[in-house]
Protein backbone atom coordinates (compact mmCIF):
# COMPACT_ATOMS: atom_id res chain seq x y z
CA MET A 1 98.74 175.78 143.77
CA CYS A 2 102.10 175.25 145.38
CA MET A 3 102.97 172.32 147.66
CA ASN A 4 104.93 172.92 150.81
CA ASP A 5 108.12 171.03 151.52
CA ARG A 6 106.43 168.33 153.51
CA ASN A 7 103.79 167.74 150.90
CA ARG A 8 106.43 167.69 148.21
CA ARG A 9 108.25 164.89 150.09
CA ASP A 10 105.02 163.07 150.57
CA PHE A 11 104.25 163.45 146.90
CA LEU A 12 107.57 161.91 145.88
CA LYS A 13 106.94 159.08 148.30
CA THR A 14 103.39 158.37 147.33
CA ALA A 15 102.41 159.98 144.05
CA ALA A 16 103.21 157.04 141.84
CA VAL A 17 101.84 154.57 144.30
CA THR A 18 98.64 156.50 144.89
CA GLY A 19 97.22 156.80 141.48
CA ILE A 20 100.21 156.37 140.14
CA ALA A 21 101.27 158.86 137.37
CA ALA A 22 99.65 161.47 139.61
CA ALA A 23 96.31 160.24 138.25
CA GLY A 24 96.87 161.74 134.84
CA VAL A 25 98.42 165.16 135.04
CA LEU A 26 97.34 167.18 132.07
CA ALA A 27 99.58 165.98 129.27
CA VAL A 28 101.20 168.27 126.76
CA PRO A 29 100.96 166.52 123.39
CA ALA A 30 104.21 165.77 121.64
CA ALA A 31 104.80 166.92 118.15
CA ALA A 32 102.45 165.11 115.85
CA GLN A 33 103.86 162.05 114.21
CA ALA A 34 102.52 160.28 111.23
CA ALA A 35 100.31 157.31 112.09
CA PRO A 36 101.04 154.04 110.25
CA SER A 37 99.33 153.57 106.93
CA THR A 38 96.10 151.61 107.28
CA ALA A 39 96.04 150.50 103.66
CA ASP A 40 97.15 147.01 104.66
CA ALA A 41 94.24 146.64 107.10
CA LYS A 42 92.07 145.76 104.16
CA GLU A 43 94.61 143.50 102.51
CA LYS A 44 94.01 139.81 103.03
CA ILE A 45 97.13 138.18 104.38
CA ALA A 46 97.97 134.57 105.17
CA LEU A 47 100.73 134.05 107.74
CA THR A 48 102.03 130.62 106.94
CA ASN A 49 104.28 128.35 108.95
CA VAL A 50 103.66 129.96 112.30
CA ARG A 51 103.38 128.25 115.72
CA VAL A 52 100.39 129.75 117.52
CA PHE A 53 100.13 130.21 121.29
CA ASP A 54 96.64 128.91 121.94
CA GLY A 55 96.56 129.73 125.66
CA THR A 56 98.03 126.39 126.65
CA SER A 57 100.87 125.49 124.33
CA LEU A 58 102.37 126.22 120.94
CA THR A 59 100.67 124.52 118.02
CA SER A 60 102.42 122.79 115.16
CA PRO A 61 103.18 125.16 112.22
CA ARG A 62 99.94 126.42 110.61
CA THR A 63 98.39 129.32 108.74
CA VAL A 64 96.66 132.31 110.27
CA VAL A 65 94.65 134.62 107.98
CA ILE A 66 94.20 138.37 108.47
CA GLU A 67 91.16 139.76 106.72
CA ASN A 68 89.43 143.12 107.21
CA GLY A 69 91.23 143.62 110.54
CA ARG A 70 90.11 140.25 111.90
CA ILE A 71 91.26 136.69 111.97
CA GLY A 72 89.86 135.04 108.84
CA LEU A 73 88.83 131.51 107.92
CA THR A 74 90.37 130.76 104.56
CA ALA A 75 93.61 131.74 102.83
CA LEU A 76 91.98 131.78 99.43
CA GLY A 77 93.16 134.97 97.60
CA ALA A 78 95.45 136.07 100.38
CA ARG A 79 99.00 137.38 100.07
CA LYS A 80 101.23 134.86 101.81
CA ILE A 81 103.89 135.70 104.33
CA ASP A 82 106.12 132.81 105.42
CA GLY A 83 106.57 132.93 109.20
CA GLY A 84 109.55 130.61 109.03
CA GLY A 85 108.40 128.60 112.02
CA ALA A 86 108.30 131.66 114.34
CA THR A 87 105.87 131.97 117.26
CA LEU A 88 102.63 133.94 116.87
CA LEU A 89 101.17 135.44 120.04
CA PRO A 90 97.93 137.33 120.49
CA GLY A 91 98.66 141.05 120.82
CA LEU A 92 99.66 141.87 124.35
CA ILE A 93 97.42 143.80 126.82
CA ASP A 94 98.88 146.08 129.41
CA ALA A 95 96.32 146.25 132.26
CA HIS A 96 97.70 149.41 133.82
CA ILE A 97 99.18 152.45 132.06
CA HIS A 98 98.78 156.24 132.14
CA LEU A 99 98.28 157.96 128.76
CA GLN A 100 100.44 160.88 127.78
CA ASP A 101 99.95 161.67 124.09
CA LEU A 102 100.01 160.06 120.65
CA SER A 103 103.52 158.80 121.15
CA THR A 104 102.24 156.60 123.97
CA LEU A 105 100.27 154.55 121.42
CA GLN A 106 103.18 154.40 119.02
CA GLN A 107 105.61 153.13 121.66
CA LEU A 108 103.09 150.55 122.90
CA ALA A 109 102.39 149.25 119.42
CA SER A 110 106.08 149.01 118.55
CA TYR A 111 106.50 146.49 121.38
CA GLY A 112 103.47 144.41 120.48
CA VAL A 113 101.13 145.94 123.12
CA THR A 114 97.97 146.21 121.07
CA THR A 115 95.53 147.05 123.88
CA ALA A 116 96.27 149.34 126.84
CA LEU A 117 94.04 149.96 129.84
CA ASP A 118 94.54 153.45 131.21
CA MET A 119 94.16 153.83 134.94
CA ALA A 120 93.73 157.56 135.30
CA THR A 121 94.14 160.36 132.77
CA PHE A 122 92.39 163.70 132.41
CA PRO A 123 91.00 165.81 130.84
CA PRO A 124 88.46 163.64 128.90
CA ALA A 125 89.35 165.45 125.68
CA LEU A 126 92.88 164.03 125.86
CA VAL A 127 91.61 160.50 126.30
CA ASP A 128 89.03 160.91 123.51
CA SER A 129 91.80 162.16 121.16
CA LEU A 130 93.61 158.87 121.56
CA ARG A 131 90.65 156.53 121.13
CA GLY A 132 90.10 154.52 117.96
CA ARG A 133 93.36 155.41 116.19
CA PRO A 134 93.60 153.03 113.22
CA GLY A 135 96.77 150.91 113.29
CA LEU A 136 97.66 152.04 116.84
CA THR A 137 97.09 150.54 120.28
CA ASP A 138 93.46 150.36 121.28
CA ILE A 139 92.70 151.98 124.66
CA ARG A 140 90.18 152.04 127.46
CA SER A 141 90.33 154.52 130.32
CA ALA A 142 89.14 155.21 133.87
CA GLY A 143 89.32 158.90 133.26
CA THR A 144 89.60 160.79 136.58
CA PRO A 145 89.83 158.75 139.80
CA ALA A 146 88.13 159.32 143.11
CA VAL A 147 90.57 160.79 145.61
CA ALA A 148 90.52 162.15 149.19
CA PRO A 149 90.89 165.79 150.22
CA GLY A 150 94.53 166.58 150.88
CA SER A 151 95.78 163.73 148.64
CA PRO A 152 98.66 164.33 146.25
CA GLN A 153 96.23 164.27 143.35
CA SER A 154 93.90 166.83 144.91
CA GLN A 155 96.81 169.27 145.10
CA ILE A 156 97.30 169.26 141.31
CA PRO A 157 95.94 172.64 140.17
CA THR A 158 93.98 171.21 137.22
CA PHE A 159 92.55 168.18 139.09
CA PRO A 160 88.72 168.06 138.73
CA ALA A 161 87.12 169.21 141.99
CA ASP A 162 84.20 166.81 141.64
CA ALA A 163 86.57 163.87 142.00
CA VAL A 164 87.72 164.99 145.47
CA LEU A 165 85.26 163.19 147.73
CA SER A 166 84.73 164.14 151.35
CA GLY A 167 81.88 161.69 152.01
CA PRO A 168 79.70 158.89 150.62
CA ASP A 169 76.94 161.32 149.65
CA GLN A 170 79.15 162.48 146.72
CA ALA A 171 79.66 158.97 145.31
CA THR A 172 76.74 158.76 142.91
CA ALA A 173 77.45 162.20 141.41
CA PHE A 174 81.11 161.26 140.95
CA VAL A 175 80.25 158.04 139.13
CA ARG A 176 77.64 159.76 136.92
CA ALA A 177 80.15 162.44 135.95
CA ARG A 178 82.77 159.89 134.99
CA ILE A 179 80.31 157.90 132.91
CA SER A 180 79.11 161.05 131.15
CA GLU A 181 82.73 161.77 130.27
CA GLY A 182 83.15 158.29 128.76
CA SER A 183 85.06 156.39 131.45
CA ASP A 184 85.06 152.69 130.70
CA TYR A 185 85.47 151.77 134.40
CA ILE A 186 85.76 153.59 137.71
CA LYS A 187 89.03 154.16 139.62
CA ILE A 188 89.35 154.77 143.37
CA ILE A 189 92.54 155.74 145.16
CA ILE A 190 92.62 153.90 148.49
CA ASP A 191 95.17 155.04 151.02
CA VAL A 192 95.19 154.86 154.78
CA PRO A 193 94.38 157.59 155.75
CA GLY A 194 92.37 158.61 152.72
CA LEU A 195 88.81 158.14 151.53
CA SER A 196 86.59 156.67 154.25
CA PRO A 197 85.54 153.03 153.91
CA GLU A 198 81.98 154.25 153.61
CA THR A 199 82.85 156.51 150.67
CA ILE A 200 84.80 153.73 148.93
CA LYS A 201 81.87 151.33 149.36
CA ALA A 202 79.42 153.95 148.11
CA VAL A 203 81.45 154.60 144.96
CA THR A 204 81.72 150.86 144.34
CA VAL A 205 78.01 150.32 144.72
CA ALA A 206 77.14 153.32 142.53
CA ALA A 207 79.43 152.02 139.81
CA HIS A 208 78.12 148.51 139.95
CA VAL A 209 74.51 149.73 139.78
CA ARG A 210 75.49 151.41 136.51
CA GLY A 211 77.29 148.39 135.11
CA LYS A 212 80.85 149.67 135.60
CA ARG A 213 83.77 147.71 136.98
CA VAL A 214 85.69 149.24 139.85
CA MET A 215 89.47 149.54 139.98
CA ALA A 216 91.14 150.20 143.31
CA HIS A 217 94.59 151.51 143.87
CA ALA A 218 96.09 149.92 147.02
CA THR A 219 99.80 149.73 147.84
CA THR A 220 99.74 148.57 151.45
CA ALA A 221 98.29 145.54 153.19
CA ALA A 222 95.88 147.77 155.07
CA SER A 223 94.57 149.51 151.96
CA ALA A 224 94.21 146.16 150.14
CA GLY A 225 92.01 145.04 153.03
CA VAL A 226 89.84 148.14 152.66
CA ALA A 227 89.48 147.45 148.95
CA LEU A 228 88.41 143.87 149.60
CA ASP A 229 85.89 145.01 152.18
CA ALA A 230 84.37 147.41 149.64
CA GLY A 231 83.87 144.65 147.02
CA VAL A 232 85.89 146.24 144.18
CA ASP A 233 86.53 144.21 141.02
CA MET A 234 90.28 144.68 140.72
CA ILE A 235 93.06 145.78 143.02
CA HIS A 236 95.95 147.48 141.25
CA HIS A 237 99.45 147.19 142.77
CA VAL A 238 100.36 144.86 145.62
CA PRO A 239 101.49 145.79 149.11
CA ILE A 240 105.00 147.19 149.20
CA ASP A 241 105.11 147.49 152.99
CA THR A 242 104.49 143.86 153.93
CA ALA A 243 103.59 140.80 151.90
CA LEU A 244 100.02 139.64 151.76
CA THR A 245 99.31 136.76 154.15
CA ALA A 246 97.84 133.52 152.87
CA SER A 247 94.47 134.39 154.39
CA ALA A 248 94.51 137.85 152.77
CA ALA A 249 95.40 136.31 149.39
CA THR A 250 92.57 133.82 149.82
CA ARG A 251 90.15 136.70 150.21
CA TYR A 252 91.03 137.86 146.71
CA THR A 253 90.23 134.44 145.36
CA THR A 254 87.01 133.73 147.19
CA SER A 255 85.63 137.15 146.31
CA GLY A 256 86.70 136.94 142.69
CA THR A 257 88.82 140.04 143.05
CA VAL A 258 91.47 140.36 140.32
CA SER A 259 95.07 141.45 141.06
CA VAL A 260 97.17 143.71 138.84
CA PRO A 261 100.50 143.72 140.79
CA THR A 262 102.46 146.22 138.63
CA LEU A 263 105.73 144.65 139.78
CA THR A 264 107.68 146.86 137.44
CA MET A 265 106.58 149.96 139.33
CA MET A 266 106.96 148.28 142.67
CA GLU A 267 110.52 147.31 141.73
CA GLY A 268 111.23 150.90 140.81
CA PHE A 269 109.95 152.29 144.09
CA GLY A 270 111.60 149.53 146.07
CA GLY A 271 114.91 150.68 144.62
CA LEU A 272 114.57 154.29 145.81
CA GLY A 273 115.63 153.51 149.33
CA ILE A 274 112.44 154.92 150.88
CA PRO A 275 111.78 153.37 154.31
CA GLY A 276 108.73 151.12 154.28
CA MET A 277 108.96 150.34 150.60
CA ASP A 278 110.32 146.84 150.04
CA TYR A 279 110.14 145.12 146.69
CA ALA A 280 110.45 141.75 148.44
CA ALA A 281 107.03 142.46 149.99
CA ALA A 282 105.49 143.02 146.55
CA GLU A 283 107.04 139.88 145.11
CA GLY A 284 105.97 137.89 148.18
CA SER A 285 102.42 139.14 147.70
CA VAL A 286 102.40 137.76 144.17
CA VAL A 287 103.68 134.42 145.40
CA ALA A 288 100.83 134.33 147.96
CA LEU A 289 98.21 135.36 145.34
CA ARG A 290 99.27 132.69 142.91
CA ARG A 291 99.24 130.03 145.57
CA ALA A 292 95.70 131.11 146.50
CA GLY A 293 94.58 130.86 142.85
CA THR A 294 93.89 134.56 142.38
CA ARG A 295 93.57 135.82 138.81
CA ILE A 296 96.64 137.91 138.09
CA LEU A 297 96.99 140.36 135.22
CA ALA A 298 100.09 141.95 133.78
CA GLY A 299 100.23 145.75 134.18
CA THR A 300 103.16 148.07 134.29
CA ASP A 301 102.02 151.50 135.45
CA SER A 302 103.89 152.99 132.49
CA ASN A 303 103.82 156.77 132.69
CA ALA A 304 105.67 159.91 131.72
CA THR A 305 104.36 162.13 134.50
CA PRO A 306 106.54 164.94 135.79
CA GLY A 307 107.25 164.64 139.51
CA VAL A 308 106.79 160.86 139.64
CA PRO A 309 110.24 159.33 140.30
CA VAL A 310 109.61 156.01 138.45
CA HIS A 311 108.72 155.99 134.75
CA PRO A 312 108.34 152.47 133.33
CA ALA A 313 108.69 152.75 129.50
CA TYR A 314 105.59 152.26 127.45
CA GLY A 315 105.57 148.85 125.72
CA GLN A 316 109.03 147.72 126.66
CA SER A 317 108.19 147.46 130.33
CA LEU A 318 105.40 144.93 129.77
CA HIS A 319 108.04 142.41 128.64
CA HIS A 320 109.88 143.14 131.84
CA GLU A 321 106.66 142.72 133.83
CA LEU A 322 106.23 139.23 132.36
CA GLU A 323 109.76 138.36 133.46
CA LEU A 324 109.14 139.64 136.96
CA LEU A 325 105.91 137.63 137.21
CA VAL A 326 107.83 134.49 136.25
CA ARG A 327 110.48 135.27 138.86
CA ALA A 328 107.61 135.56 141.39
CA GLY A 329 106.44 132.05 140.55
CA LEU A 330 104.13 132.21 137.58
CA THR A 331 104.85 129.78 134.81
CA PRO A 332 105.62 131.29 131.42
CA ARG A 333 102.26 130.07 130.23
CA GLU A 334 100.52 131.82 133.16
CA ALA A 335 102.51 134.97 132.42
CA LEU A 336 101.51 134.98 128.78
CA ARG A 337 97.86 134.49 129.73
CA SER A 338 98.14 137.36 132.19
CA ALA A 339 98.85 139.67 129.22
CA THR A 340 96.47 138.16 126.66
CA SER A 341 93.31 136.15 127.38
CA LEU A 342 92.88 136.97 131.10
CA PRO A 343 92.80 140.78 130.81
CA ALA A 344 90.56 140.47 127.79
CA GLN A 345 88.10 138.38 129.82
CA SER A 346 88.44 140.51 132.95
CA PHE A 347 87.67 143.78 131.14
CA GLY A 348 84.96 142.30 128.90
CA LEU A 349 87.01 142.71 125.71
CA LEU A 350 85.69 139.57 124.15
CA ASP A 351 87.08 140.15 120.67
CA ARG A 352 90.77 139.85 121.59
CA GLY A 353 93.29 138.00 123.77
CA ALA A 354 93.36 134.91 121.59
CA ILE A 355 93.97 133.98 117.96
CA LEU A 356 90.56 132.77 116.82
CA PRO A 357 88.37 133.39 113.76
CA GLY A 358 86.48 136.68 114.07
CA TYR A 359 88.77 138.11 116.77
CA ARG A 360 90.76 141.30 116.14
CA ALA A 361 93.91 140.66 114.21
CA ASP A 362 96.14 141.83 117.05
CA LEU A 363 99.23 139.71 116.56
CA LEU A 364 102.84 139.57 117.70
CA LEU A 365 105.35 137.44 115.73
CA ILE A 366 108.44 136.56 117.73
CA ASP A 367 111.54 134.35 117.55
CA GLY A 368 111.91 131.54 120.04
CA ASP A 369 109.63 129.74 122.46
CA PRO A 370 108.33 131.97 125.28
CA LEU A 371 106.98 128.90 127.09
CA ALA A 372 110.56 127.78 127.53
CA ASP A 373 112.03 131.27 128.05
CA ILE A 374 109.69 134.20 128.73
CA THR A 375 112.32 136.66 127.51
CA ALA A 376 111.58 135.41 123.98
CA THR A 377 108.70 137.91 123.82
CA ARG A 378 111.33 140.59 123.33
CA ALA A 379 112.53 139.02 120.09
CA ILE A 380 109.89 140.82 118.01
CA GLN A 381 109.77 140.20 114.25
CA ARG A 382 106.44 141.80 113.26
CA VAL A 383 103.36 143.36 114.87
CA TRP A 384 99.77 143.73 113.64
CA VAL A 385 97.24 146.03 115.34
CA GLY A 386 93.69 145.43 114.16
CA GLY A 387 95.09 143.96 110.99
CA THR A 388 97.50 146.82 110.26
CA GLU A 389 101.17 145.99 110.41
CA TYR A 390 103.20 148.23 112.69
CA THR A 391 106.96 148.38 112.36
CA PRO A 392 108.54 147.29 115.68
CA VAL A 393 111.52 148.97 117.27
CA ALA A 394 114.93 147.72 116.15
């Protein structure tokens, strides 16, 4: 299906901020690359002389044990690795990416992103092929999002027809289809105009009845309001047209709605010179959300989708996202929590996000003190994903 000139312009203006990576255009797998050896996943290792980020501060130098892919209790019989006083962080979690192929996981792991939450990729076979890869970034996915007729996503020739919703009567079937395909949560694209408020609410209710969290894409103040009215669990992106008011930000907090601002993507679109897209509005929204006490998660909207004009790099961009969050008023501690314990809690991933006995051995060893300078997260020494060491980029 071809898009006319007007729709092509609209696509360039809205595609990345309406699903963003065009809601997971069918990816063409890159040439297969060898996965890291998993032999060391079974080796017991004691990381000695490391300062651990415990969610609040850095501890005094201590020992952390990796055993059978988890954080162990005792260093007895372990091979010792001297951390030299370096900082040990929980593996980072990117709360908004779009999967492409195996190289996505490799790039993420190389930058210490050990868990990635995909916010729209299809077909299901592609997502399934990337799940549970030993020694590589662990993923969860929304699968195919709900979109409106005439939306940029609906014009993609391979986009699933059952995800184009014309009314609330289709909501239950849509949610059931996504669950049957293995979606870990449900994604709704909210634009004005777009899906009707009744349809958005119906999808949200259908998902909640079936125990699934609901992610909403909203890039304007108006669409964020629609998402809040529907009772979604998380709103991805922040308004890029005008900053959230204090009262709007308070609505996030009082309703328990989580924000994933994706400032990296908002910065990219704000730099394109498109009228009505102002990065200052996005940053101002984060300022308002933090003041209101809203839970904020780090997400980048990393993608490699053809036709989308902004492509945050997998892995590397999460470090930039942390820096942007700090510039927007979060403390370095808050920024680190936004990429570790908070997304783990918000997505029900209760075996990660902290360095505690029994948790996944997802670890990032860095130079420096990120609580004093958030850019220290870029000074990567070593990475472990589920107990398997992954060689970071130079």
